[in-house]
Amino acid sequence: MTTTATATGTPVVGFDQVSKAYGDVRAVDGLSLALHPGETVALLGPNGAGKSTTLDLLLGLKHPDSGTVRVFGTGPREAIVAGKVGAMLQSGGLMDEVTVAELVRLACSLHPRPYRATDVLTRAGVANIADRKVNKLSGGQAQRVRFALAIAGDSDLIVLDEPTTGMDVTTRQAFWATMRDQADQGRTVLFATHYLEEADAIADRVLVLHRGRLLADGTAAEIKAKAGARRISFDLDGAIDEAALRALPFLTAVGVSGSTVRIQSTDADATVHALYGLGLYPRNLEVAGLGLEQAFVAITAAEEAKTQ
C-alpha cells in the first residue's frame, strides 16, 4: 500500500513548533516531531506531560495556539475525512443501546475505504460478542470495540490512546499481534501507554514527553542509553549500612530489600570498585543496563531536577 505522502516523502505526521496552553499551563510547548510510514511509535510521559493534548491536536480535536500540525501533508481534519486516520481514544463514550455488530457496521459504512464488518469484528477479537449490547460490555471488551472502530477501514495512520487499559494479559497479547500485522502492512501506528513494557517490546521508536516538550526520541535501546546509568544488584551478609552505600560515588538511586541491594550508577565500574573499598564482599553481583521503565524515570527525574 503506497500513499501519495509515502511517494513524495512527506511525513505521515508533522508537528512544527506547536504550542497549546490552558490558562497558565502549557500542555504542549514548542513541540516539533515527524512520524514516517510504517513506524510503530510509543508516546510516553508522566501524567500532565501533554500526551492527550498532543493526540487531540493530531486528530484536529483541538487547535494549536501557535505552530502547525500536518497529517499526510494536509490539516488533520482533511486527513480524517479522507479516511486516512483511524483513532482509538479513552475519552468519549460508545453508543449504549446498540449491539457491537451494529456499531461496527455503522463505523464501516461511514469510512471512505471500509472493510467488511464481519472481518473487522474478527480482526478486533469481538466477533464472539457481536450480538451483545454495548452497555453490557466489560472494560476490556469496550476497549476492543473501540479498536474495532479504529480499524473499520483502510486507514494509513492508527492512533491509540492507552489502548490496552482493562485488557487481560491474553487479550493484550492478541491485540498487539494485530497491531504488528497493521504495521507490517505499511501503516503507521502511534500509541500512548502507561505500560512501558509494551513500549519496549512493540515500538520501533519511543517519544518521551515532559511538560509538553519532547525530552527524548529514539529506539528503546537509545532511550535506555540516554539515561546514562546502569543497574547494580548484589547480596550482602549481616547488617547493611545504608548510609555507607548511599555515599558510594556516581549513585542515582539506592534500594535495600532484606539482604539484597539494588543501586543505579552513572559509572558502574567506579561504584563497584568503591564498594569493595568499603571492605564489603557482595555476592551474586550483577551489572546491567536500565530497563525502559527505569530509564524513563531517570530521564524525567533529571529534567524535573533542572526546574527545581
Protein backbone atom coordinates (compact mmCIF):
# COMPACT_ATOMS: atom_id res chain seq x y z
CA MET A 1 0.00 0.00 0.00
CA THR A 2 1.53 3.33 -1.09
CA THR A 3 0.01 6.68 -0.33
CA THR A 4 0.81 9.98 -2.01
CA ALA A 5 2.52 11.05 1.22
CA THR A 6 4.74 7.99 1.12
CA ALA A 7 5.64 8.51 -2.53
CA THR A 8 6.63 12.16 -2.11
CA GLY A 9 8.46 11.67 1.17
CA THR A 10 6.00 13.84 3.11
CA PRO A 11 5.86 12.76 6.79
CA VAL A 12 2.73 10.96 7.92
CA VAL A 13 2.55 13.41 10.85
CA GLY A 14 4.43 16.68 11.22
CA PHE A 15 4.42 18.99 14.25
CA ASP A 16 6.30 22.26 13.71
CA GLN A 17 6.86 24.34 16.86
CA VAL A 18 3.37 23.52 18.14
CA SER A 19 2.16 25.03 21.42
CA LYS A 20 -1.13 24.75 23.28
CA ALA A 21 -1.94 26.35 26.62
CA TYR A 22 -4.85 26.16 29.04
CA GLY A 23 -4.67 29.35 31.03
CA ASP A 24 -1.20 29.49 32.57
CA VAL A 25 -0.50 25.81 31.88
CA ARG A 26 1.41 24.97 28.69
CA ALA A 27 0.20 21.48 27.81
CA VAL A 28 2.30 21.44 24.62
CA ASP A 29 5.33 23.70 24.41
CA GLY A 30 7.10 24.24 21.08
CA LEU A 31 6.73 20.60 20.03
CA SER A 32 8.35 19.54 16.75
CA LEU A 33 8.36 15.96 15.51
CA ALA A 34 7.74 13.87 12.40
CA LEU A 35 6.34 10.35 12.01
CA HIS A 36 7.07 8.26 8.94
CA PRO A 37 5.29 5.45 7.06
CA GLY A 38 5.42 2.02 8.67
CA GLU A 39 6.70 3.17 12.06
CA THR A 40 5.27 1.90 15.33
CA VAL A 41 5.78 4.76 17.78
CA ALA A 42 5.17 4.82 21.54
CA LEU A 43 4.31 8.12 23.21
CA LEU A 44 5.40 8.15 26.85
CA GLY A 45 5.26 10.72 29.60
CA PRO A 46 4.13 11.19 33.20
CA ASN A 47 0.63 12.45 33.93
CA GLY A 48 0.38 16.03 32.72
CA ALA A 49 3.15 15.59 30.16
CA GLY A 50 0.88 16.63 27.28
CA LYS A 51 0.26 13.23 25.66
CA SER A 52 -3.52 13.54 25.38
CA THR A 53 -3.33 17.14 24.15
CA THR A 54 -0.77 16.09 21.54
CA LEU A 55 -3.12 13.38 20.27
CA ASP A 56 -6.06 15.79 20.30
CA LEU A 57 -4.05 18.24 18.17
CA LEU A 58 -3.05 15.48 15.77
CA LEU A 59 -6.70 14.47 15.35
CA GLY A 60 -7.98 18.00 14.92
CA LEU A 61 -9.99 17.83 18.15
CA LYS A 62 -8.08 20.87 19.37
CA HIS A 63 -6.27 23.66 17.52
CA PRO A 64 -2.75 24.83 18.38
CA ASP A 65 -2.20 28.32 19.74
CA SER A 66 0.88 28.51 17.53
CA GLY A 67 2.78 26.29 15.14
CA THR A 68 1.35 23.88 12.57
CA VAL A 69 0.14 20.28 12.59
CA ARG A 70 0.09 18.40 9.29
CA VAL A 71 -1.19 14.88 8.66
CA PHE A 72 -0.29 13.39 5.28
CA GLY A 73 0.60 16.90 4.16
CA THR A 74 -2.83 18.37 4.95
CA GLY A 75 -4.73 19.58 8.00
CA PRO A 76 -5.75 16.87 10.50
CA ARG A 77 -9.46 17.11 9.74
CA GLU A 78 -8.92 16.83 5.99
CA ALA A 79 -6.88 13.67 6.53
CA ILE A 80 -9.56 12.19 8.77
CA VAL A 81 -12.39 13.00 6.34
CA ALA A 82 -10.35 11.27 3.63
CA GLY A 83 -10.28 8.12 5.78
CA LYS A 84 -6.51 8.17 6.28
CA VAL A 85 -6.66 8.12 10.09
CA GLY A 86 -8.21 5.62 12.48
CA ALA A 87 -8.31 6.51 16.17
CA MET A 88 -8.98 4.75 19.47
CA LEU A 89 -9.40 7.24 22.30
CA GLN A 90 -10.08 6.86 26.01
CA SER A 91 -12.37 9.88 26.05
CA GLY A 92 -15.85 9.76 24.59
CA GLY A 93 -18.46 7.10 25.24
CA LEU A 94 -19.84 4.39 22.98
CA MET A 95 -23.47 4.27 21.86
CA ASP A 96 -25.30 2.24 24.51
CA GLU A 97 -28.49 0.85 23.06
CA VAL A 98 -26.94 -0.89 20.07
CA THR A 99 -25.12 -4.16 19.64
CA VAL A 100 -21.42 -4.42 18.96
CA ALA A 101 -22.16 -5.62 15.41
CA GLU A 102 -24.49 -2.69 14.73
CA LEU A 103 -21.92 -0.18 15.95
CA VAL A 104 -19.13 -1.72 13.87
CA ARG A 105 -21.36 -1.84 10.77
CA LEU A 106 -22.12 1.84 11.26
CA ALA A 107 -18.41 2.68 11.52
CA CYS A 108 -17.67 0.70 8.37
CA SER A 109 -20.47 2.40 6.46
CA LEU A 110 -19.08 5.84 7.33
CA HIS A 111 -15.48 5.10 6.31
CA PRO A 112 -14.40 6.20 2.81
CA ARG A 113 -12.44 2.95 2.38
CA PRO A 114 -14.41 0.48 4.51
CA TYR A 115 -13.64 -3.11 5.38
CA ARG A 116 -16.36 -5.75 5.73
CA ALA A 117 -17.88 -5.52 9.20
CA THR A 118 -17.52 -9.27 9.75
CA ASP A 119 -13.79 -9.03 9.02
CA VAL A 120 -13.40 -6.09 11.41
CA LEU A 121 -15.21 -7.94 14.20
CA THR A 122 -12.88 -10.91 13.78
CA ARG A 123 -9.71 -8.84 13.50
CA ALA A 124 -10.57 -6.90 16.66
CA GLY A 125 -11.42 -10.06 18.58
CA VAL A 126 -15.06 -9.12 19.25
CA ALA A 127 -16.90 -11.50 16.89
CA ASN A 128 -17.92 -13.61 19.90
CA ILE A 129 -19.71 -10.64 21.50
CA ALA A 130 -21.15 -9.18 18.28
CA ASP A 131 -24.75 -9.55 19.49
CA ARG A 132 -24.13 -8.04 22.92
CA LYS A 133 -25.37 -4.55 23.76
CA VAL A 134 -22.54 -2.08 24.14
CA ASN A 135 -23.67 -1.03 27.63
CA LYS A 136 -23.26 -4.64 28.80
CA LEU A 137 -19.56 -4.85 27.99
CA SER A 138 -16.69 -5.12 30.44
CA GLY A 139 -13.94 -2.52 30.37
CA GLY A 140 -11.61 -4.72 28.34
CA GLN A 141 -14.39 -5.64 25.88
CA ALA A 142 -15.27 -1.97 25.40
CA GLN A 143 -11.61 -1.27 24.61
CA ARG A 144 -11.62 -3.94 21.92
CA VAL A 145 -14.79 -2.43 20.42
CA ARG A 146 -13.07 0.97 20.31
CA PHE A 147 -10.23 -0.73 18.49
CA ALA A 148 -12.69 -2.23 16.01
CA LEU A 149 -13.96 1.28 15.25
CA ALA A 150 -10.36 2.46 14.69
CA ILE A 151 -9.75 -0.24 12.06
CA ALA A 152 -13.16 -0.08 10.35
CA GLY A 153 -11.48 0.96 7.10
CA ASP A 154 -8.19 1.08 5.27
CA SER A 155 -6.53 3.89 7.25
CA ASP A 156 -2.84 4.65 6.82
CA LEU A 157 -2.34 6.00 10.36
CA ILE A 158 -3.74 4.40 13.50
CA VAL A 159 -3.72 6.46 16.71
CA LEU A 160 -4.27 4.67 20.02
CA ASP A 161 -4.63 6.30 23.46
CA GLU A 162 -3.91 3.81 26.28
CA PRO A 163 -5.34 1.00 24.10
CA THR A 164 -4.88 -1.97 26.43
CA THR A 165 -6.30 -0.45 29.62
CA GLY A 166 -8.68 -3.01 31.15
CA MET A 167 -7.50 -5.89 28.97
CA ASP A 168 -6.19 -9.11 30.50
CA VAL A 169 -2.75 -10.42 29.54
CA THR A 170 -4.00 -12.82 26.86
CA THR A 171 -6.16 -10.17 25.23
CA ARG A 172 -3.29 -7.66 25.31
CA GLN A 173 -1.01 -10.13 23.56
CA ALA A 174 -3.63 -10.78 20.88
CA PHE A 175 -4.20 -7.04 20.48
CA TRP A 176 -0.51 -6.31 19.88
CA ALA A 177 -0.24 -9.20 17.44
CA THR A 178 -2.98 -7.50 15.43
CA MET A 179 -1.19 -4.15 15.65
CA ARG A 180 2.08 -5.67 14.46
CA ASP A 181 0.17 -7.00 11.46
CA GLN A 182 -1.14 -3.49 10.78
CA ALA A 183 2.41 -2.08 10.87
CA ASP A 184 3.70 -4.91 8.65
CA GLN A 185 1.20 -3.77 6.03
CA GLY A 186 2.87 -0.34 5.94
CA ARG A 187 0.61 1.55 8.31
CA THR A 188 1.97 3.96 10.88
CA VAL A 189 0.90 3.19 14.45
CA LEU A 190 1.14 5.79 17.23
CA PHE A 191 0.15 4.74 20.74
CA ALA A 192 0.26 6.39 24.14
CA THR A 193 0.67 3.98 27.02
CA HIS A 194 1.50 3.70 30.71
CA TYR A 195 2.63 0.10 30.18
CA LEU A 196 6.30 0.73 29.49
CA GLU A 197 6.98 -2.96 28.86
CA GLU A 198 4.62 -2.67 25.88
CA ALA A 199 6.59 0.25 24.50
CA ASP A 200 9.83 -1.68 24.99
CA ALA A 201 8.51 -4.78 23.24
CA ILE A 202 6.37 -3.23 20.49
CA ALA A 203 7.67 0.19 19.43
CA ASP A 204 10.27 0.86 16.76
CA ARG A 205 10.58 4.34 18.21
CA VAL A 206 9.86 5.93 21.58
CA LEU A 207 8.95 9.58 22.21
CA VAL A 208 9.20 10.86 25.79
CA LEU A 209 7.20 13.99 26.59
CA HIS A 210 7.70 16.10 29.70
CA ARG A 211 5.79 19.33 30.41
CA GLY A 212 4.74 19.44 26.76
CA ARG A 213 8.26 19.18 25.39
CA LEU A 214 9.98 16.33 23.56
CA LEU A 215 12.55 15.09 26.05
CA ALA A 216 13.81 12.02 24.17
CA ASP A 217 13.27 10.49 20.75
CA GLY A 218 14.81 7.20 19.63
CA THR A 219 14.64 3.44 19.82
CA ALA A 220 14.01 1.84 23.20
CA ALA A 221 17.72 0.95 23.34
CA GLU A 222 18.69 4.56 22.63
CA ILE A 223 16.33 5.83 25.32
CA LYS A 224 17.88 3.43 27.82
CA ALA A 225 21.36 4.59 26.87
CA LYS A 226 20.30 8.23 27.18
CA ALA A 227 19.58 7.69 30.86
CA GLY A 228 23.33 7.22 31.30
CA ALA A 229 23.04 4.84 34.26
CA ARG A 230 23.35 1.12 34.91
CA ARG A 231 21.75 -1.19 37.43
CA ILE A 232 23.89 -2.95 40.04
CA SER A 233 22.41 -5.61 42.28
CA PHE A 234 24.06 -7.83 44.90
CA ASP A 235 23.51 -9.57 48.24
CA LEU A 236 25.27 -8.73 51.49
CA ASP A 237 25.62 -10.80 54.65
CA GLY A 238 24.90 -9.28 58.04
CA ALA A 239 23.62 -5.80 58.82
CA ILE A 240 23.57 -3.38 55.90
CA ASP A 241 24.87 0.15 56.42
CA GLU A 242 22.62 2.12 54.07
CA ALA A 243 24.39 5.39 54.85
CA ALA A 244 27.69 3.92 53.65
CA LEU A 245 26.03 2.62 50.50
CA ARG A 246 24.49 6.00 49.75
CA ALA A 247 27.95 7.56 49.99
CA LEU A 248 29.22 5.44 47.10
CA PRO A 249 30.24 7.55 44.08
CA PHE A 250 28.07 8.12 40.99
CA LEU A 251 24.86 6.75 42.50
CA THR A 252 21.47 7.91 41.27
CA ALA A 253 19.28 5.50 43.27
CA VAL A 254 19.57 3.06 46.19
CA GLY A 255 17.17 0.33 47.28
CA VAL A 256 17.55 -2.31 50.01
CA SER A 257 15.23 -5.31 50.43
CA GLY A 258 16.33 -7.77 53.08
CA SER A 259 19.86 -8.82 52.17
CA THR A 260 19.55 -7.63 48.55
CA VAL A 261 20.81 -4.22 47.44
CA ARG A 262 19.82 -2.60 44.14
CA ILE A 263 21.51 0.61 43.07
CA GLN A 264 21.85 2.70 39.93
CA SER A 265 25.11 4.32 38.93
CA THR A 266 26.34 6.55 36.11
CA ASP A 267 29.78 4.88 36.42
CA ALA A 268 29.25 1.25 37.40
CA ASP A 269 32.98 0.38 37.36
CA ALA A 270 33.86 3.15 39.82
CA THR A 271 30.90 2.32 42.06
CA VAL A 272 31.79 -1.38 42.26
CA HIS A 273 35.44 -0.53 42.93
CA ALA A 274 34.38 1.75 45.80
CA LEU A 275 32.03 -0.96 47.09
CA TYR A 276 34.95 -3.35 47.55
CA GLY A 277 36.92 -0.46 49.01
CA LEU A 278 34.44 -0.38 51.90
CA GLY A 279 35.57 -3.89 52.81
CA LEU A 280 32.29 -5.40 51.63
CA TYR A 281 32.10 -8.66 49.74
CA PRO A 282 28.96 -8.64 47.59
CA ARG A 283 27.52 -11.96 46.47
CA ASN A 284 25.55 -12.54 43.25
CA LEU A 285 26.85 -9.27 41.81
CA GLU A 286 25.08 -8.25 38.59
CA VAL A 287 25.59 -5.16 36.45
CA ALA A 288 23.11 -4.46 33.65
CA GLY A 289 21.64 -1.62 31.63
CA LEU A 290 18.46 0.08 32.76
CA GLY A 291 15.14 -1.22 31.57
CA LEU A 292 12.93 1.23 29.70
CA GLU A 293 10.89 1.96 32.83
CA GLN A 294 13.96 2.79 34.92
CA ALA A 295 15.38 4.87 32.07
CA PHE A 296 12.10 6.75 31.72
CA VAL A 297 12.06 7.53 35.44
CA ALA A 298 15.72 8.60 35.39
CA ILE A 299 15.28 10.90 32.37
CA THR A 300 12.15 12.60 33.67
CA ALA A 301 13.56 12.90 37.19
CA ALA A 302 16.70 14.57 35.83
CA GLU A 303 14.53 17.03 33.90
CA GLU A 304 12.43 17.76 37.00
CA ALA A 305 15.63 18.45 38.96
CA LYS A 306 16.59 21.11 36.41
CA THR A 307 13.35 23.01 37.10
CA GLN A 308 13.63 22.93 40.88
